[in-house]
């Protein structure tokens, strides 16, 4: 059952492509496939940060400060930084990237490209910690979905840079929000805090829904101008 989770990201990719093609009648999916490939390559940064942490500490994360650093810097920042760099410096300059909605779409595909590979790395204990979650299987199945939430946060704020002049602040806000929520998700499992996971899940749904609706509204207003 655990290894079946490796199919979640590819399934989500197919479903999203089908939906976007139905909704917008896509003329080409080349940029979206490029986003997937770039996202998959971004896993190299996570491998590097995880390797450096292993050299320093191994799996000795009993110290709460050390655990927090591992979760929010090594895992979360090490995962979100490459996604941010790809979104901001590869796709942001595209002429059809004009609003937060495009930012969300690109960020989601970059994130799913990333999780397609990263889920397997977690499943085979290549990255992360050997400290067993209360449900490793649940983590692997929900990880791609959680990545969509962090991608929505990042894509929305980076995309806001197309509508406002303070692009640096918007971009850093997107990176910071994605890193925090990624770390919070991982922290729920590494601490086996089921109650925190429930509240985090509810918060993820509300935040992602709000930002997607707001992005769609801004896009509609932009088209009507």
N, C-alpha and C. Protein backbone atom coordinates (compact mmCIF):
# COMPACT_ATOMS: atom_id res chain seq x y z
N UNK A 1 0.82 -1.21 0.00
CA UNK A 1 0.00 0.00 0.00
C UNK A 1 0.86 1.26 0.00
N UNK A 2 1.99 1.19 0.72
CA UNK A 2 2.85 2.37 0.82
C UNK A 2 3.39 2.78 -0.55
N UNK A 3 3.78 1.79 -1.34
CA UNK A 3 4.38 2.10 -2.64
C UNK A 3 3.36 2.57 -3.66
N UNK A 4 2.08 2.28 -3.42
CA UNK A 4 1.04 2.80 -4.31
C UNK A 4 0.95 4.31 -4.23
N UNK A 5 1.45 4.87 -3.12
CA UNK A 5 1.43 6.33 -2.96
C UNK A 5 2.28 7.03 -4.00
N UNK A 6 3.22 6.31 -4.59
CA UNK A 6 4.09 6.90 -5.61
C UNK A 6 3.28 7.33 -6.84
N UNK A 7 2.08 6.78 -6.98
CA UNK A 7 1.26 7.10 -8.14
C UNK A 7 0.38 8.33 -7.92
N UNK A 8 0.32 8.84 -6.68
CA UNK A 8 -0.58 9.96 -6.38
C UNK A 8 -0.22 11.20 -7.21
N UNK A 9 1.04 11.59 -7.22
CA UNK A 9 1.45 12.78 -7.97
C UNK A 9 1.16 12.65 -9.46
N UNK A 10 1.55 11.53 -10.11
CA UNK A 10 1.21 11.38 -11.53
C UNK A 10 -0.29 11.44 -11.80
N UNK A 11 -1.09 10.85 -10.90
CA UNK A 11 -2.55 10.89 -11.07
C UNK A 11 -3.06 12.33 -10.99
N UNK A 12 -2.55 13.08 -10.02
CA UNK A 12 -2.96 14.48 -9.88
C UNK A 12 -2.55 15.30 -11.11
N UNK A 13 -1.39 14.99 -11.66
CA UNK A 13 -0.92 15.69 -12.86
C UNK A 13 -1.88 15.46 -14.02
N UNK A 14 -2.25 14.21 -14.23
CA UNK A 14 -3.17 13.87 -15.33
C UNK A 14 -4.52 14.55 -15.13
N UNK A 15 -5.03 14.53 -13.90
CA UNK A 15 -6.33 15.14 -13.62
C UNK A 15 -6.29 16.65 -13.84
N UNK A 16 -5.21 17.29 -13.39
CA UNK A 16 -5.10 18.74 -13.56
C UNK A 16 -4.94 19.12 -15.03
N UNK A 17 -4.17 18.34 -15.77
CA UNK A 17 -4.03 18.61 -17.20
C UNK A 17 -5.37 18.48 -17.92
N UNK A 18 -6.13 17.44 -17.55
CA UNK A 18 -7.44 17.24 -18.16
C UNK A 18 -8.38 18.40 -17.83
N UNK A 19 -8.33 18.84 -16.57
CA UNK A 19 -9.21 19.95 -16.16
C UNK A 19 -8.83 21.25 -16.88
N UNK A 20 -7.54 21.55 -16.93
CA UNK A 20 -7.10 22.79 -17.58
C UNK A 20 -7.42 22.77 -19.07
N UNK A 21 -7.26 21.61 -19.69
CA UNK A 21 -7.58 21.50 -21.11
C UNK A 21 -9.09 21.69 -21.34
N UNK A 22 -9.90 21.16 -20.42
CA UNK A 22 -11.35 21.33 -20.53
C UNK A 22 -11.76 22.77 -20.28
N UNK A 23 -11.11 23.40 -19.28
CA UNK A 23 -11.49 24.76 -18.87
C UNK A 23 -10.99 25.81 -19.83
N UNK A 24 -9.75 25.65 -20.32
CA UNK A 24 -9.14 26.71 -21.12
C UNK A 24 -8.81 26.29 -22.55
N UNK A 25 -9.07 25.04 -22.91
CA UNK A 25 -8.76 24.55 -24.26
C UNK A 25 -7.30 24.85 -24.62
N UNK A 26 -6.39 24.26 -23.87
CA UNK A 26 -4.97 24.53 -24.03
C UNK A 26 -4.48 24.25 -25.45
N UNK A 27 -3.73 25.19 -26.00
CA UNK A 27 -3.15 25.00 -27.33
C UNK A 27 -1.88 24.17 -27.24
N UNK A 28 -1.17 24.28 -26.14
CA UNK A 28 0.04 23.50 -25.92
C UNK A 28 0.24 23.29 -24.43
N UNK A 29 0.86 22.17 -24.09
CA UNK A 29 1.17 21.88 -22.68
C UNK A 29 2.68 21.86 -22.45
N UNK A 30 3.41 22.39 -23.42
CA UNK A 30 4.87 22.34 -23.33
C UNK A 30 5.39 23.00 -22.06
N UNK A 31 4.88 24.20 -21.75
CA UNK A 31 5.36 24.91 -20.57
C UNK A 31 5.03 24.16 -19.29
N UNK A 32 3.87 23.52 -19.26
CA UNK A 32 3.49 22.76 -18.07
C UNK A 32 4.38 21.53 -17.89
N UNK A 33 4.71 20.88 -18.98
CA UNK A 33 5.62 19.73 -18.90
C UNK A 33 7.03 20.19 -18.52
N UNK A 34 7.42 21.36 -19.02
CA UNK A 34 8.72 21.91 -18.61
C UNK A 34 8.74 22.18 -17.11
N UNK A 35 7.59 22.67 -16.59
CA UNK A 35 7.49 22.93 -15.14
C UNK A 35 7.66 21.63 -14.36
N UNK A 36 7.07 20.54 -14.85
CA UNK A 36 7.20 19.24 -14.20
C UNK A 36 8.65 18.78 -14.17
N UNK A 37 9.33 18.94 -15.30
CA UNK A 37 10.73 18.50 -15.39
C UNK A 37 11.62 19.33 -14.47
N UNK A 38 11.44 20.65 -14.50
CA UNK A 38 12.21 21.52 -13.61
C UNK A 38 11.94 21.17 -12.15
N UNK A 39 10.69 20.91 -11.83
CA UNK A 39 10.35 20.56 -10.45
C UNK A 39 11.03 19.27 -10.01
N UNK A 40 11.07 18.29 -10.89
CA UNK A 40 11.74 17.03 -10.57
C UNK A 40 13.23 17.24 -10.33
N UNK A 41 13.84 18.11 -11.12
CA UNK A 41 15.27 18.41 -10.94
C UNK A 41 15.52 19.15 -9.63
N UNK A 42 14.51 19.90 -9.16
CA UNK A 42 14.66 20.64 -7.91
C UNK A 42 14.89 19.77 -6.71
N UNK A 43 14.58 18.47 -6.82
CA UNK A 43 14.80 17.53 -5.72
C UNK A 43 16.28 17.46 -5.34
N UNK A 44 17.16 17.80 -6.27
CA UNK A 44 18.60 17.76 -5.99
C UNK A 44 18.96 18.67 -4.82
N UNK A 45 18.27 19.78 -4.67
CA UNK A 45 18.55 20.69 -3.56
C UNK A 45 18.16 20.04 -2.23
N UNK A 46 17.02 19.37 -2.20
CA UNK A 46 16.60 18.65 -1.00
C UNK A 46 17.60 17.55 -0.65
N UNK A 47 18.07 16.84 -1.65
CA UNK A 47 19.08 15.80 -1.42
C UNK A 47 20.33 16.40 -0.80
N UNK A 48 20.72 17.57 -1.27
CA UNK A 48 21.92 18.22 -0.75
C UNK A 48 21.75 18.65 0.70
N UNK A 49 20.65 19.34 1.00
CA UNK A 49 20.43 19.82 2.37
C UNK A 49 20.28 18.64 3.34
N UNK A 50 19.61 17.58 2.89
CA UNK A 50 19.44 16.40 3.74
C UNK A 50 20.79 15.72 3.99
N UNK A 51 21.63 15.66 2.95
CA UNK A 51 22.96 15.05 3.08
C UNK A 51 23.82 15.82 4.07
N UNK A 52 23.78 17.15 3.98
CA UNK A 52 24.57 17.97 4.91
C UNK A 52 24.09 17.80 6.35
N UNK A 53 22.78 17.68 6.52
CA UNK A 53 22.23 17.47 7.86
C UNK A 53 22.64 16.10 8.41
N UNK A 54 22.66 15.10 7.55
CA UNK A 54 23.09 13.76 7.97
C UNK A 54 24.55 13.76 8.40
N UNK A 55 25.37 14.51 7.68
CA UNK A 55 26.79 14.59 8.05
C UNK A 55 26.96 15.22 9.43
N UNK A 56 26.12 16.19 9.74
CA UNK A 56 26.24 16.93 10.99
C UNK A 56 25.62 16.19 12.18
N UNK A 57 24.42 15.64 11.97
CA UNK A 57 23.67 15.08 13.10
C UNK A 57 23.30 13.61 12.96
N UNK A 58 23.33 13.07 11.77
CA UNK A 58 22.78 11.73 11.58
C UNK A 58 21.28 11.79 11.81
N UNK A 59 20.76 10.87 12.62
CA UNK A 59 19.33 10.89 12.95
C UNK A 59 19.09 11.34 14.39
N UNK A 60 20.07 11.98 14.97
CA UNK A 60 19.95 12.44 16.35
C UNK A 60 19.22 13.78 16.39
N UNK A 61 17.88 13.73 16.46
CA UNK A 61 17.07 14.94 16.47
C UNK A 61 16.30 15.09 17.78
N UNK A 62 16.86 14.56 18.86
CA UNK A 62 16.17 14.59 20.14
C UNK A 62 16.07 16.02 20.69
N UNK A 63 17.04 16.84 20.36
CA UNK A 63 17.00 18.24 20.77
C UNK A 63 15.91 18.97 19.98
N UNK A 64 15.00 19.67 20.68
CA UNK A 64 13.87 20.32 20.02
C UNK A 64 14.33 21.40 19.05
N UNK A 65 15.37 22.14 19.41
CA UNK A 65 15.89 23.17 18.51
C UNK A 65 16.45 22.55 17.24
N UNK A 66 17.13 21.43 17.40
CA UNK A 66 17.70 20.73 16.25
C UNK A 66 16.59 20.18 15.36
N UNK A 67 15.55 19.64 15.98
CA UNK A 67 14.43 19.11 15.22
C UNK A 67 13.75 20.22 14.42
N UNK A 68 13.55 21.38 15.07
CA UNK A 68 12.93 22.51 14.39
C UNK A 68 13.75 22.96 13.19
N UNK A 69 15.07 23.01 13.36
CA UNK A 69 15.96 23.40 12.26
C UNK A 69 15.85 22.39 11.12
N UNK A 70 15.85 21.10 11.48
CA UNK A 70 15.77 20.05 10.46
C UNK A 70 14.47 20.16 9.67
N UNK A 71 13.36 20.35 10.40
CA UNK A 71 12.05 20.37 9.76
C UNK A 71 11.87 21.59 8.87
N UNK A 72 12.17 22.78 9.41
CA UNK A 72 11.83 24.02 8.70
C UNK A 72 12.93 24.52 7.76
N UNK A 73 14.16 24.14 8.01
CA UNK A 73 15.26 24.59 7.14
C UNK A 73 15.70 23.49 6.18
N UNK A 74 16.08 22.34 6.73
CA UNK A 74 16.59 21.25 5.90
C UNK A 74 15.51 20.71 4.96
N UNK A 75 14.35 20.36 5.54
CA UNK A 75 13.28 19.75 4.75
C UNK A 75 12.43 20.80 4.03
N UNK A 76 11.83 21.72 4.79
CA UNK A 76 10.88 22.66 4.19
C UNK A 76 11.57 23.67 3.27
N UNK A 77 12.57 24.38 3.79
CA UNK A 77 13.26 25.37 2.96
C UNK A 77 14.03 24.69 1.83
N UNK A 78 14.62 23.52 2.13
CA UNK A 78 15.35 22.78 1.11
C UNK A 78 14.46 22.29 -0.01
N UNK A 79 13.16 22.17 0.25
CA UNK A 79 12.20 21.76 -0.78
C UNK A 79 11.60 22.96 -1.51
N UNK A 80 11.28 24.02 -0.76
CA UNK A 80 10.58 25.16 -1.36
C UNK A 80 11.52 26.12 -2.09
N UNK A 81 12.76 26.21 -1.68
CA UNK A 81 13.70 27.12 -2.35
C UNK A 81 13.86 26.81 -3.83
N UNK A 82 14.14 25.54 -4.21
CA UNK A 82 14.27 25.27 -5.65
C UNK A 82 12.98 25.53 -6.42
N UNK A 83 11.83 25.23 -5.83
CA UNK A 83 10.56 25.52 -6.50
C UNK A 83 10.41 27.02 -6.73
N UNK A 84 10.77 27.79 -5.71
CA UNK A 84 10.67 29.25 -5.83
C UNK A 84 11.60 29.78 -6.92
N UNK A 85 12.84 29.33 -6.93
CA UNK A 85 13.81 29.79 -7.92
C UNK A 85 13.36 29.46 -9.34
N UNK A 86 12.79 28.27 -9.50
CA UNK A 86 12.29 27.87 -10.82
C UNK A 86 11.13 28.75 -11.25
N UNK A 87 10.18 28.95 -10.33
CA UNK A 87 9.00 29.76 -10.65
C UNK A 87 9.39 31.20 -10.95
N UNK A 88 10.26 31.75 -10.10
CA UNK A 88 10.58 33.18 -10.21
C UNK A 88 11.52 33.50 -11.36
N UNK A 89 12.47 32.62 -11.64
CA UNK A 89 13.49 32.97 -12.63
C UNK A 89 13.39 32.20 -13.94
N UNK A 90 12.51 31.21 -14.03
CA UNK A 90 12.33 30.48 -15.28
C UNK A 90 10.99 30.84 -15.92
N UNK A 91 9.92 30.85 -15.14
CA UNK A 91 8.58 31.02 -15.71
C UNK A 91 8.00 32.42 -15.52
N UNK A 92 8.44 33.15 -14.53
CA UNK A 92 7.89 34.47 -14.24
C UNK A 92 8.05 35.43 -15.42
N UNK A 93 9.12 35.26 -16.18
CA UNK A 93 9.40 36.17 -17.29
C UNK A 93 8.56 35.88 -18.53
N UNK A 94 7.84 34.76 -18.56
CA UNK A 94 7.01 34.44 -19.72
C UNK A 94 5.91 35.48 -19.91
N UNK A 95 5.65 35.84 -21.14
CA UNK A 95 4.69 36.91 -21.43
C UNK A 95 3.27 36.54 -21.02
N UNK A 96 2.93 35.25 -21.03
CA UNK A 96 1.57 34.85 -20.67
C UNK A 96 1.41 34.67 -19.16
N UNK A 97 2.49 34.85 -18.40
CA UNK A 97 2.43 34.83 -16.94
C UNK A 97 2.09 36.26 -16.52
N UNK A 98 0.81 36.53 -16.27
CA UNK A 98 0.37 37.90 -16.06
C UNK A 98 -0.36 38.14 -14.73
N UNK A 99 -0.61 37.08 -13.97
CA UNK A 99 -1.40 37.26 -12.76
C UNK A 99 -1.12 36.14 -11.76
N UNK A 100 -1.66 36.23 -10.54
CA UNK A 100 -1.49 35.16 -9.55
C UNK A 100 -2.03 33.82 -10.01
N UNK A 101 -3.04 33.82 -10.89
CA UNK A 101 -3.61 32.55 -11.35
C UNK A 101 -2.57 31.74 -12.12
N UNK A 102 -1.85 32.39 -13.03
CA UNK A 102 -0.77 31.69 -13.75
C UNK A 102 0.32 31.26 -12.78
N UNK A 103 0.59 32.10 -11.78
CA UNK A 103 1.58 31.75 -10.77
C UNK A 103 1.21 30.47 -10.04
N UNK A 104 -0.06 30.35 -9.69
CA UNK A 104 -0.54 29.15 -8.99
C UNK A 104 -0.42 27.93 -9.89
N UNK A 105 -0.84 28.06 -11.15
CA UNK A 105 -0.80 26.92 -12.07
C UNK A 105 0.63 26.42 -12.25
N UNK A 106 1.56 27.34 -12.52
CA UNK A 106 2.96 26.92 -12.71
C UNK A 106 3.53 26.35 -11.43
N UNK A 107 3.24 26.98 -10.29
CA UNK A 107 3.77 26.51 -9.02
C UNK A 107 3.26 25.11 -8.69
N UNK A 108 2.00 24.84 -8.98
CA UNK A 108 1.43 23.52 -8.71
C UNK A 108 2.12 22.46 -9.55
N UNK A 109 2.36 22.74 -10.82
CA UNK A 109 3.01 21.74 -11.68
C UNK A 109 4.48 21.57 -11.30
N UNK A 110 5.14 22.63 -10.92
CA UNK A 110 6.51 22.50 -10.42
C UNK A 110 6.52 21.63 -9.15
N UNK A 111 5.55 21.90 -8.27
CA UNK A 111 5.46 21.14 -7.03
C UNK A 111 5.16 19.67 -7.27
N UNK A 112 4.29 19.36 -8.21
CA UNK A 112 3.96 17.96 -8.48
C UNK A 112 5.12 17.24 -9.17
N UNK A 113 5.88 17.97 -9.99
CA UNK A 113 7.10 17.37 -10.55
C UNK A 113 8.07 17.03 -9.44
N UNK A 114 8.16 17.93 -8.46
CA UNK A 114 9.04 17.72 -7.31
C UNK A 114 8.58 16.51 -6.49
N UNK A 115 7.28 16.45 -6.16
CA UNK A 115 6.80 15.37 -5.29
C UNK A 115 6.77 14.01 -5.99
N UNK A 116 6.71 14.01 -7.31
CA UNK A 116 6.77 12.74 -8.04
C UNK A 116 8.05 11.99 -7.67
N UNK A 117 9.15 12.73 -7.58
CA UNK A 117 10.43 12.13 -7.20
C UNK A 117 10.60 12.07 -5.69
N UNK A 118 10.25 13.15 -5.00
CA UNK A 118 10.48 13.23 -3.56
C UNK A 118 9.69 12.18 -2.79
N UNK A 119 8.48 11.85 -3.22
CA UNK A 119 7.70 10.83 -2.53
C UNK A 119 8.42 9.50 -2.52
N UNK A 120 9.07 9.16 -3.61
CA UNK A 120 9.84 7.92 -3.67
C UNK A 120 11.06 8.00 -2.76
N UNK A 121 11.69 9.16 -2.70
CA UNK A 121 12.86 9.32 -1.82
C UNK A 121 12.47 9.17 -0.36
N UNK A 122 11.32 9.72 0.01
CA UNK A 122 10.83 9.54 1.38
C UNK A 122 10.43 8.08 1.62
N UNK A 123 9.79 7.48 0.63
CA UNK A 123 9.32 6.10 0.78
C UNK A 123 10.45 5.12 0.99
N UNK A 124 11.61 5.38 0.37
CA UNK A 124 12.76 4.49 0.52
C UNK A 124 13.76 5.01 1.56
N UNK A 125 13.33 6.01 2.36
CA UNK A 125 14.17 6.57 3.44
C UNK A 125 15.49 7.14 2.94
N UNK A 126 15.47 7.70 1.74
CA UNK A 126 16.68 8.33 1.21
C UNK A 126 16.79 9.75 1.74
N UNK A 127 15.66 10.42 1.91
CA UNK A 127 15.64 11.73 2.55
C UNK A 127 14.69 11.66 3.75
N UNK A 128 14.74 12.68 4.58
CA UNK A 128 13.95 12.66 5.81
C UNK A 128 14.74 12.05 6.93
N UNK A 129 14.07 11.51 7.89
CA UNK A 129 14.72 10.92 9.04
C UNK A 129 14.20 9.51 9.26
N UNK A 130 15.02 8.64 9.84
CA UNK A 130 14.59 7.27 10.11
C UNK A 130 13.64 7.22 11.30
N UNK A 131 13.46 8.39 11.97
CA UNK A 131 12.47 8.48 13.04
C UNK A 131 11.10 8.22 12.41
N UNK A 132 10.46 7.14 12.80
CA UNK A 132 9.23 6.70 12.13
C UNK A 132 8.04 7.56 12.53
N UNK A 133 7.29 8.00 11.53
CA UNK A 133 6.05 8.71 11.78
C UNK A 133 5.02 7.74 12.36
N UNK A 134 3.97 8.29 12.96
CA UNK A 134 2.92 7.41 13.44
C UNK A 134 2.20 6.76 12.26
N UNK A 135 2.30 7.38 11.07
CA UNK A 135 1.75 6.76 9.87
C UNK A 135 2.55 7.24 8.66
N UNK A 136 3.59 6.49 8.32
CA UNK A 136 4.39 6.85 7.15
C UNK A 136 3.55 6.77 5.88
N UNK A 137 2.66 5.79 5.83
CA UNK A 137 1.81 5.63 4.65
C UNK A 137 0.92 6.85 4.46
N UNK A 138 0.32 7.35 5.55
CA UNK A 138 -0.53 8.55 5.46
C UNK A 138 0.29 9.74 4.99
N UNK A 139 1.51 9.87 5.48
CA UNK A 139 2.38 10.96 5.04
C UNK A 139 2.61 10.89 3.54
N UNK A 140 2.95 9.72 3.03
CA UNK A 140 3.26 9.58 1.62
C UNK A 140 2.05 9.86 0.73
N UNK A 141 0.87 9.49 1.20
CA UNK A 141 -0.34 9.72 0.41
C UNK A 141 -0.77 11.19 0.43
N UNK A 142 -0.53 11.87 1.53
CA UNK A 142 -0.98 13.26 1.65
C UNK A 142 0.09 14.27 1.25
N UNK A 143 1.33 13.84 1.13
CA UNK A 143 2.43 14.76 0.80
C UNK A 143 2.21 15.49 -0.53
N UNK A 144 1.81 14.81 -1.62
CA UNK A 144 1.57 15.54 -2.86
C UNK A 144 0.44 16.56 -2.75
N UNK A 145 -0.59 16.22 -1.96
CA UNK A 145 -1.71 17.14 -1.78
C UNK A 145 -1.27 18.37 -0.98
N UNK A 146 -0.47 18.14 0.06
CA UNK A 146 0.05 19.25 0.86
C UNK A 146 0.93 20.16 0.00
N UNK A 147 1.65 19.55 -0.95
CA UNK A 147 2.53 20.35 -1.82
C UNK A 147 1.72 21.27 -2.71
N UNK A 148 0.49 20.87 -3.03
CA UNK A 148 -0.37 21.74 -3.83
C UNK A 148 -0.73 22.99 -3.03
N UNK A 149 -0.97 22.81 -1.73
CA UNK A 149 -1.30 23.95 -0.87
C UNK A 149 -0.12 24.91 -0.80
N UNK A 150 1.08 24.40 -0.57
CA UNK A 150 2.26 25.28 -0.51
C UNK A 150 2.50 25.95 -1.86
N UNK A 151 2.20 25.22 -2.95
CA UNK A 151 2.37 25.79 -4.29
C UNK A 151 1.38 26.91 -4.53
N UNK A 152 0.15 26.75 -4.05
CA UNK A 152 -0.86 27.80 -4.19
C UNK A 152 -0.40 29.07 -3.47
N UNK A 153 0.13 28.91 -2.26
CA UNK A 153 0.62 30.07 -1.51
C UNK A 153 1.75 30.77 -2.25
N UNK A 154 2.73 29.97 -2.69
CA UNK A 154 3.87 30.54 -3.39
C UNK A 154 3.46 31.17 -4.71
N UNK A 155 2.68 30.45 -5.49
CA UNK A 155 2.28 30.94 -6.80
C UNK A 155 1.45 32.20 -6.71
N UNK A 156 0.57 32.28 -5.72
CA UNK A 156 -0.27 33.47 -5.57
C UNK A 156 0.57 34.71 -5.31
N UNK A 157 1.47 34.63 -4.34
CA UNK A 157 2.23 35.82 -3.97
C UNK A 157 3.28 36.18 -5.02
N UNK A 158 3.93 35.18 -5.61
CA UNK A 158 4.87 35.48 -6.69
C UNK A 158 4.12 36.10 -7.86
N UNK A 159 2.93 35.58 -8.16
CA UNK A 159 2.12 36.12 -9.24
C UNK A 159 1.64 37.53 -8.97
N UNK A 160 1.47 37.88 -7.68
CA UNK A 160 1.07 39.24 -7.34
C UNK A 160 2.12 40.25 -7.79
N UNK A 161 3.34 39.78 -7.94
CA UNK A 161 4.42 40.65 -8.42
C UNK A 161 4.18 41.16 -9.82
N UNK A 162 3.29 40.50 -10.56
CA UNK A 162 2.95 40.96 -11.90
C UNK A 162 1.96 42.12 -11.86
N UNK A 163 1.28 42.27 -10.73
CA UNK A 163 0.26 43.31 -10.60
C UNK A 163 0.71 44.49 -9.77
N UNK A 164 1.79 44.31 -8.99
CA UNK A 164 2.27 45.37 -8.11
C UNK A 164 3.76 45.59 -8.33
N UNK A 165 4.27 46.67 -7.78
CA UNK A 165 5.67 47.02 -7.98
C UNK A 165 6.61 46.35 -6.98
N UNK A 166 6.10 45.96 -5.81
CA UNK A 166 6.98 45.40 -4.78
C UNK A 166 7.16 43.89 -4.98
N UNK A 167 7.79 43.52 -6.08
CA UNK A 167 7.96 42.12 -6.44
C UNK A 167 8.82 41.37 -5.43
N UNK A 168 9.84 42.02 -4.89
CA UNK A 168 10.72 41.34 -3.95
C UNK A 168 9.96 40.93 -2.71
N UNK A 169 9.16 41.83 -2.16
CA UNK A 169 8.39 41.54 -0.95
C UNK A 169 7.38 40.44 -1.23
N UNK A 170 6.68 40.53 -2.35
CA UNK A 170 5.71 39.50 -2.71
C UNK A 170 6.38 38.14 -2.87
N UNK A 171 7.52 38.12 -3.54
CA UNK A 171 8.22 36.86 -3.77
C UNK A 171 8.69 36.24 -2.46
N UNK A 172 9.27 37.05 -1.58
CA UNK A 172 9.74 36.54 -0.30
C UNK A 172 8.58 36.08 0.58
N UNK A 173 7.44 36.78 0.46
CA UNK A 173 6.25 36.35 1.20
C UNK A 173 5.80 34.98 0.72
N UNK A 174 5.82 34.78 -0.59
CA UNK A 174 5.43 33.48 -1.14
C UNK A 174 6.36 32.37 -0.68
N UNK A 175 7.67 32.63 -0.73
CA UNK A 175 8.65 31.63 -0.30
C UNK A 175 8.50 31.35 1.19
N UNK A 176 8.32 32.40 1.98
CA UNK A 176 8.19 32.23 3.42
C UNK A 176 6.94 31.46 3.80
N UNK A 177 5.81 31.79 3.16
CA UNK A 177 4.56 31.10 3.47
C UNK A 177 4.64 29.62 3.08
N UNK A 178 5.18 29.34 1.90
CA UNK A 178 5.30 27.95 1.44
C UNK A 178 6.21 27.15 2.37
N UNK A 179 7.32 27.76 2.78
CA UNK A 179 8.25 27.08 3.68
C UNK A 179 7.61 26.79 5.03
N UNK A 180 6.90 27.77 5.57
CA UNK A 180 6.26 27.59 6.87
C UNK A 180 5.22 26.47 6.83
N UNK A 181 4.34 26.49 5.82
CA UNK A 181 3.29 25.48 5.76
C UNK A 181 3.86 24.09 5.45
N UNK A 182 4.90 24.03 4.65
CA UNK A 182 5.57 22.75 4.38
C UNK A 182 6.16 22.20 5.68
N UNK A 183 6.84 23.08 6.42
CA UNK A 183 7.43 22.66 7.68
C UNK A 183 6.39 22.23 8.69
N UNK A 184 5.28 22.96 8.76
CA UNK A 184 4.20 22.62 9.69
C UNK A 184 3.63 21.25 9.37
N UNK A 185 3.43 20.97 8.09
CA UNK A 185 2.92 19.66 7.67
C UNK A 185 3.87 18.55 8.10
N UNK A 186 5.16 18.71 7.85
CA UNK A 186 6.15 17.68 8.21
C UNK A 186 6.25 17.55 9.72
N UNK A 187 6.16 18.67 10.43
CA UNK A 187 6.26 18.68 11.88
C UNK A 187 5.14 17.86 12.53
N UNK A 188 3.95 17.91 11.94
CA UNK A 188 2.82 17.13 12.46
C UNK A 188 3.15 15.64 12.49
N UNK A 189 3.86 15.17 11.48
CA UNK A 189 4.17 13.75 11.39
C UNK A 189 5.39 13.36 12.24
N UNK A 190 6.41 14.20 12.22
CA UNK A 190 7.62 13.84 12.96
C UNK A 190 7.38 13.86 14.47
N UNK A 191 6.37 14.64 14.90
CA UNK A 191 6.02 14.69 16.33
C UNK A 191 4.81 13.81 16.64
N UNK A 192 4.25 13.18 15.61
CA UNK A 192 3.08 12.31 15.79
C UNK A 192 1.93 13.04 16.47
N UNK A 193 1.75 14.31 16.13
CA UNK A 193 0.70 15.13 16.73
C UNK A 193 -0.54 15.07 15.84
N UNK A 194 -1.46 14.17 16.14
CA UNK A 194 -2.65 13.98 15.31
C UNK A 194 -3.58 15.18 15.36
N UNK A 195 -3.70 15.78 16.54
CA UNK A 195 -4.59 16.93 16.68
C UNK A 195 -4.09 18.10 15.85
N UNK A 196 -2.78 18.36 15.90
CA UNK A 196 -2.21 19.43 15.09
C UNK A 196 -2.40 19.16 13.61
N UNK A 197 -2.30 17.90 13.21
CA UNK A 197 -2.48 17.54 11.80
C UNK A 197 -3.91 17.85 11.35
N UNK A 198 -4.89 17.59 12.21
CA UNK A 198 -6.28 17.87 11.87
C UNK A 198 -6.49 19.37 11.65
N UNK A 199 -6.00 20.17 12.61
CA UNK A 199 -6.16 21.62 12.48
C UNK A 199 -5.37 22.16 11.28
N UNK A 200 -4.20 21.58 11.03
CA UNK A 200 -3.39 21.99 9.88
C UNK A 200 -4.12 21.69 8.58
N UNK A 201 -4.75 20.52 8.51
CA UNK A 201 -5.49 20.14 7.30
C UNK A 201 -6.64 21.10 7.03
N UNK A 202 -7.39 21.43 8.08
CA UNK A 202 -8.50 22.38 7.94
C UNK A 202 -7.97 23.74 7.47
N UNK A 203 -6.87 24.18 8.08
CA UNK A 203 -6.28 25.45 7.68
C UNK A 203 -5.80 25.44 6.24
N UNK A 204 -5.20 24.32 5.81
CA UNK A 204 -4.72 24.19 4.44
C UNK A 204 -5.87 24.34 3.44
N UNK A 205 -6.98 23.69 3.73
CA UNK A 205 -8.13 23.73 2.82
C UNK A 205 -8.66 25.16 2.71
N UNK A 206 -8.80 25.83 3.84
CA UNK A 206 -9.32 27.20 3.85
C UNK A 206 -8.39 28.16 3.13
N UNK A 207 -7.10 28.06 3.40
CA UNK A 207 -6.12 28.97 2.80
C UNK A 207 -6.04 28.76 1.29
N UNK A 208 -5.92 27.50 0.86
CA UNK A 208 -5.80 27.21 -0.56
C UNK A 208 -7.05 27.66 -1.32
N UNK A 209 -8.21 27.38 -0.76
CA UNK A 209 -9.47 27.77 -1.41
C UNK A 209 -9.57 29.28 -1.53
N UNK A 210 -9.24 29.98 -0.46
CA UNK A 210 -9.32 31.45 -0.46
C UNK A 210 -8.40 32.05 -1.51
N UNK A 211 -7.17 31.56 -1.58
CA UNK A 211 -6.20 32.12 -2.52
C UNK A 211 -6.56 31.81 -3.97
N UNK A 212 -7.05 30.61 -4.22
CA UNK A 212 -7.45 30.25 -5.59
C UNK A 212 -8.62 31.11 -6.05
N UNK A 213 -9.61 31.29 -5.18
CA UNK A 213 -10.76 32.14 -5.51
C UNK A 213 -10.32 33.58 -5.75
N UNK A 214 -9.44 34.07 -4.90
CA UNK A 214 -8.94 35.44 -5.05
C UNK A 214 -8.17 35.59 -6.36
N UNK A 215 -7.34 34.60 -6.69
CA UNK A 215 -6.57 34.64 -7.94
C UNK A 215 -7.49 34.63 -9.15
N UNK A 216 -8.54 33.82 -9.10
CA UNK A 216 -9.50 33.77 -10.21
C UNK A 216 -10.23 35.09 -10.36
N UNK A 217 -10.56 35.72 -9.23
CA UNK A 217 -11.24 37.02 -9.26
C UNK A 217 -10.34 38.09 -9.87
N UNK A 218 -9.08 38.10 -9.45
CA UNK A 218 -8.13 39.07 -10.00
C UNK A 218 -7.94 38.88 -11.50
N UNK A 219 -7.90 37.62 -11.93
CA UNK A 219 -7.74 37.33 -13.36
C UNK A 219 -8.95 37.83 -14.13
N UNK A 220 -10.14 37.60 -13.58
CA UNK A 220 -11.36 38.05 -14.25
C UNK A 220 -11.39 39.58 -14.35
N UNK A 221 -10.99 40.26 -13.29
CA UNK A 221 -10.94 41.72 -13.31
C UNK A 221 -9.91 42.22 -14.33
N UNK A 222 -8.79 41.50 -14.42
CA UNK A 222 -7.75 41.89 -15.36
C UNK A 222 -8.24 41.75 -16.80
N UNK A 223 -8.98 40.69 -17.09
CA UNK A 223 -9.50 40.46 -18.44
C UNK A 223 -10.58 41.46 -18.80
N UNK A 224 -11.30 41.97 -17.80
CA UNK A 224 -12.40 42.90 -18.05
C UNK A 224 -11.95 44.35 -18.18
N UNK A 225 -10.67 44.60 -17.87
CA UNK A 225 -10.18 45.98 -17.96
C UNK A 225 -9.97 46.41 -19.40
